C-alpha atoms as a PDB file:
ATOM      1  CA  MET A   1      -0.171  -0.353  -0.085  1.00  0.00           C
ATOM      2  CA  ALA A   2       1.335   3.159  -0.871  1.00  0.00           C
ATOM      3  CA  GLY A   3       1.543   6.369   1.485  1.00  0.00           C
ATOM      4  CA  TYR A   4       0.504   9.974   1.034  1.00  0.00           C
ATOM      5  CA  LYS A   5       2.474  12.059  -1.244  1.00  0.00           C
ATOM      6  CA  ALA A   6       1.787  15.726  -0.184  1.00  0.00           C
ATOM      7  CA  PRO A   7       1.512  17.891  -3.402  1.00  0.00           C
ATOM      8  CA  ASP A   8       4.616  19.793  -4.856  1.00  0.00           C
ATOM      9  CA  PHE A   9       4.571  23.800  -5.156  1.00  0.00           C
ATOM     10  CA  ASN A  10       3.937  23.416  -9.213  1.00  0.00           C
ATOM     11  CA  GLN A  11       1.137  20.947  -8.179  1.00  0.00           C
ATOM     12  CA  ARG A  12      -0.580  23.379  -5.657  1.00  0.00           C
ATOM     13  CA  ALA A  13      -0.058  25.883  -7.987  1.00  0.00           C
ATOM     14  CA  ALA A  14      -1.788  24.542 -11.005  1.00  0.00           C
ATOM     15  CA  ALA A  15      -4.550  23.444  -8.960  1.00  0.00           C
ATOM     16  CA  ALA A  16      -5.150  27.193  -7.361  1.00  0.00           C
ATOM     17  CA  ARG A  17      -5.093  28.061 -11.394  1.00  0.00           C
ATOM     18  CA  ASP A  18      -7.435  26.180 -12.483  1.00  0.00           C
ATOM     19  CA  ALA A  19      -9.764  26.647  -9.684  1.00  0.00           C
ATOM     20  CA  LYS A  20      -9.528  30.433 -10.036  1.00  0.00           C
ATOM     21  CA  ALA A  21     -10.061  29.601 -13.709  1.00  0.00           C
ATOM     22  CA  ARG A  22     -13.490  27.950 -13.087  1.00  0.00           C
ATOM     23  CA  ALA A  23     -14.416  30.257 -10.498  1.00  0.00           C
ATOM     24  CA  LEU A  24     -14.335  33.057 -13.417  1.00  0.00           C
ATOM     25  CA  GLU A  25     -15.646  31.103 -15.696  1.00  0.00           C
ATOM     26  CA  ALA A  26     -18.622  30.539 -13.483  1.00  0.00           C
ATOM     27  CA  LEU A  27     -19.166  34.055 -12.848  1.00  0.00           C
ATOM     28  CA  LYS A  28     -18.608  35.058 -16.775  1.00  0.00           C
ATOM     29  CA  ASN A  29     -21.821  32.633 -17.250  1.00  0.00           C
ATOM     30  CA  LYS A  30     -23.896  33.867 -14.732  1.00  0.00           C
ATOM     31  CA  ALA A  31     -26.728  35.494 -15.982  1.00  0.00           C
ATOM     32  CA  ALA A  32     -27.404  39.008 -15.447  1.00  0.00           C
ATOM     33  CA  PRO A  33     -30.118  40.312 -13.383  1.00  0.00           C
ATOM     34  CA  ASP A  34     -33.452  41.099 -14.235  1.00  0.00           C
ATOM     35  CA  PRO A  35     -33.992  44.894 -14.263  1.00  0.00           C
ATOM     36  CA  ALA A  36     -37.563  44.577 -13.322  1.00  0.00           C
ATOM     37  CA  GLU A  37     -36.155  42.462 -10.146  1.00  0.00           C
ATOM     38  CA  VAL A  38     -33.287  45.158  -9.248  1.00  0.00           C
ATOM     39  CA  ALA A  39     -36.289  47.990  -9.805  1.00  0.00           C
ATOM     40  CA  ALA A  40     -38.558  46.442  -7.232  1.00  0.00           C
ATOM     41  CA  ARG A  41     -35.670  45.437  -4.921  1.00  0.00           C
ATOM     42  CA  LEU A  42     -34.740  49.192  -4.655  1.00  0.00           C
ATOM     43  CA  ALA A  43     -37.784  50.259  -4.316  1.00  0.00           C
ATOM     44  CA  ALA A  44     -38.583  47.528  -1.245  1.00  0.00           C
ATOM     45  CA  ARG A  45     -35.656  49.689  -0.319  1.00  0.00           C
ATOM     46  CA  GLU A  46     -36.332  52.625  -0.280  1.00  0.00           C
ATOM     47  CA  ALA A  47     -39.867  52.105   1.479  1.00  0.00           C
ATOM     48  CA  LYS A  48     -38.181  50.443   4.138  1.00  0.00           C
ATOM     49  CA  GLU A  49     -35.991  53.286   5.152  1.00  0.00           C
ATOM     50  CA  ALA A  50     -38.532  55.880   4.668  1.00  0.00           C
ATOM     51  CA  ALA A  51     -40.430  53.637   6.816  1.00  0.00           C
ATOM     52  CA  GLU A  52     -37.377  53.543   9.891  1.00  0.00           C
ATOM     53  CA  ALA A  53     -36.555  57.726   9.031  1.00  0.00           C
ATOM     54  CA  GLU A  54     -40.628  58.023   9.709  1.00  0.00           C
ATOM     55  CA  LYS A  55     -40.134  55.610  12.754  1.00  0.00           C
ATOM     56  CA  ARG A  56     -37.106  57.584  13.802  1.00  0.00           C
ATOM     57  CA  GLU A  57     -38.935  61.021  13.521  1.00  0.00           C
ATOM     58  CA  GLN A  58     -42.203  59.503  15.722  1.00  0.00           C
ATOM     59  CA  ARG A  59     -40.009  58.303  18.372  1.00  0.00           C
ATOM     60  CA  LYS A  60     -38.189  62.126  18.065  1.00  0.00           C
ATOM     61  CA  ALA A  61     -41.125  63.623  18.230  1.00  0.00           C
ATOM     62  CA  ALA A  62     -42.585  61.556  21.521  1.00  0.00           C
ATOM     63  CA  ILE A  63     -39.383  62.329  23.025  1.00  0.00           C
ATOM     64  CA  ALA A  64     -39.603  66.198  22.564  1.00  0.00           C
ATOM     65  CA  ALA A  65     -43.175  65.632  23.772  1.00  0.00           C
ATOM     66  CA  GLU A  66     -42.243  63.904  26.946  1.00  0.00           C
ATOM     67  CA  LYS A  67     -39.443  66.378  27.703  1.00  0.00           C
ATOM     68  CA  ALA A  68     -41.667  69.418  27.379  1.00  0.00           C
ATOM     69  CA  ALA A  69     -44.112  67.494  29.880  1.00  0.00           C
ATOM     70  CA  LYS A  70     -41.564  66.854  32.643  1.00  0.00           C
ATOM     71  CA  GLU A  71     -40.470  70.865  31.944  1.00  0.00           C
ATOM     72  CA  GLU A  72     -43.739  71.675  32.393  1.00  0.00           C
ATOM     73  CA  ALA A  73     -44.294  69.575  35.414  1.00  0.00           C
ATOM     74  CA  ARG A  74     -41.004  71.025  36.752  1.00  0.00           C
ATOM     75  CA  ALA A  75     -42.502  74.012  36.322  1.00  0.00           C
ATOM     76  CA  GLN A  76     -45.909  73.784  37.140  1.00  0.00           C
ATOM     77  CA  ALA A  77     -44.296  72.535  41.026  1.00  0.00           C
ATOM     78  CA  ALA A  78     -41.706  75.578  41.373  1.00  0.00           C
ATOM     79  CA  ALA A  79     -44.810  77.786  40.964  1.00  0.00           C
ATOM     80  CA  GLU A  80     -46.532  75.722  43.580  1.00  0.00           C
ATOM     81  CA  GLU A  81     -43.421  76.130  45.599  1.00  0.00           C
ATOM     82  CA  ALA A  82     -43.355  79.721  44.870  1.00  0.00           C
ATOM     83  CA  ALA A  83     -47.077  79.950  46.377  1.00  0.00           C
ATOM     84  CA  ALA A  84     -46.267  78.070  49.154  1.00  0.00           C
ATOM     85  CA  ALA A  85     -43.446  80.273  50.331  1.00  0.00           C
ATOM     86  CA  GLU A  86     -45.604  82.973  49.738  1.00  0.00           C
ATOM     87  CA  ALA A  87     -48.367  81.839  51.676  1.00  0.00           C
ATOM     88  CA  ALA A  88     -45.870  80.993  54.200  1.00  0.00           C
ATOM     89  CA  ALA A  89     -44.434  84.187  53.980  1.00  0.00           C
ATOM     90  CA  ALA A  90     -48.082  86.076  54.468  1.00  0.00           C
ATOM     91  CA  ALA A  91     -48.877  84.289  57.568  1.00  0.00           C
ATOM     92  CA  LYS A  92     -45.839  85.225  59.353  1.00  0.00           C
ATOM     93  CA  ARG A  93     -46.053  89.013  58.650  1.00  0.00           C
ATOM     94  CA  PRO A  94     -48.636  90.760  61.339  1.00  0.00           C
ATOM     95  CA  PRO A  95     -52.161  91.743  60.080  1.00  0.00           C
ATOM     96  CA  VAL A  96     -52.605  95.124  58.432  1.00  0.00           C
ATOM     97  CA  MET A  97     -55.420  97.346  60.782  1.00  0.00           C
ATOM     98  CA  PRO A  98     -57.405  98.983  58.018  1.00  0.00           C
ATOM     99  CA  THR A  99     -57.182 102.492  57.901  1.00  0.00           C
ATOM    100  CA  ALA A 100     -59.833 104.751  59.407  1.00  0.00           C
ATOM    101  CA  ALA A 101     -61.470 105.434  55.794  1.00  0.00           C
ATOM    102  CA  GLU A 102     -61.782 101.482  54.825  1.00  0.00           C
ATOM    103  CA  MET A 103     -63.473 101.192  58.518  1.00  0.00           C
ATOM    104  CA  LYS A 104     -66.090 104.002  57.692  1.00  0.00           C
ATOM    105  CA  ALA A 105     -66.684 102.570  54.092  1.00  0.00           C
ATOM    106  CA  ALA A 106     -67.354  98.685  55.608  1.00  0.00           C
ATOM    107  CA  ARG A 107     -70.034 100.781  58.035  1.00  0.00           C
ATOM    108  CA  ASP A 108     -71.545 102.351  55.384  1.00  0.00           C
ATOM    109  CA  ALA A 109     -72.022  99.401  53.436  1.00  0.00           C
ATOM    110  CA  ARG A 110     -73.320  97.303  56.336  1.00  0.00           C
ATOM    111  CA  TYR A 111     -75.755 100.368  57.385  1.00  0.00           C
ATOM    112  CA  ALA A 112     -77.177 100.689  53.626  1.00  0.00           C
ATOM    113  CA  ALA A 113     -77.759  97.229  53.455  1.00  0.00           C
ATOM    114  CA  ARG A 114     -79.628  97.180  56.756  1.00  0.00           C
ATOM    115  CA  LYS A 115     -81.867  99.683  55.398  1.00  0.00           C
ATOM    116  CA  ALA A 116     -82.302  97.936  52.264  1.00  0.00           C
ATOM    117  CA  ARG A 117     -83.506  95.045  54.036  1.00  0.00           C
ATOM    118  CA  GLN A 118     -85.910  97.009  56.239  1.00  0.00           C
ATOM    119  CA  LYS A 119     -87.614  98.698  53.118  1.00  0.00           C
ATOM    120  CA  LYS A 120     -88.217  95.276  51.737  1.00  0.00           C
END
């Protein structure tokens, strides 16, 4: 029984040339792509890219809306905090006594109301 004999350099180079020639011949014999099919693939790819772009825009719009809502909530919380601070400051201030003119106006209004009720 004969043992395995490794191919020498010339045999390997010839095998590589033959393989390359067969590959080039197969590439030459390959049919050209159908223009209608190429156009259909291109249209499908463009439609897919347009859909993805629309999806990205919707996602960006949703993120912007969420940011705006958060900012509005922060502004509202700040306004409520300012109102609470103002109320606390107002509670700490001593009560303001009405002036004599204001007291007279209030007394006259009560008097006029009482007279109006008696005339009915």
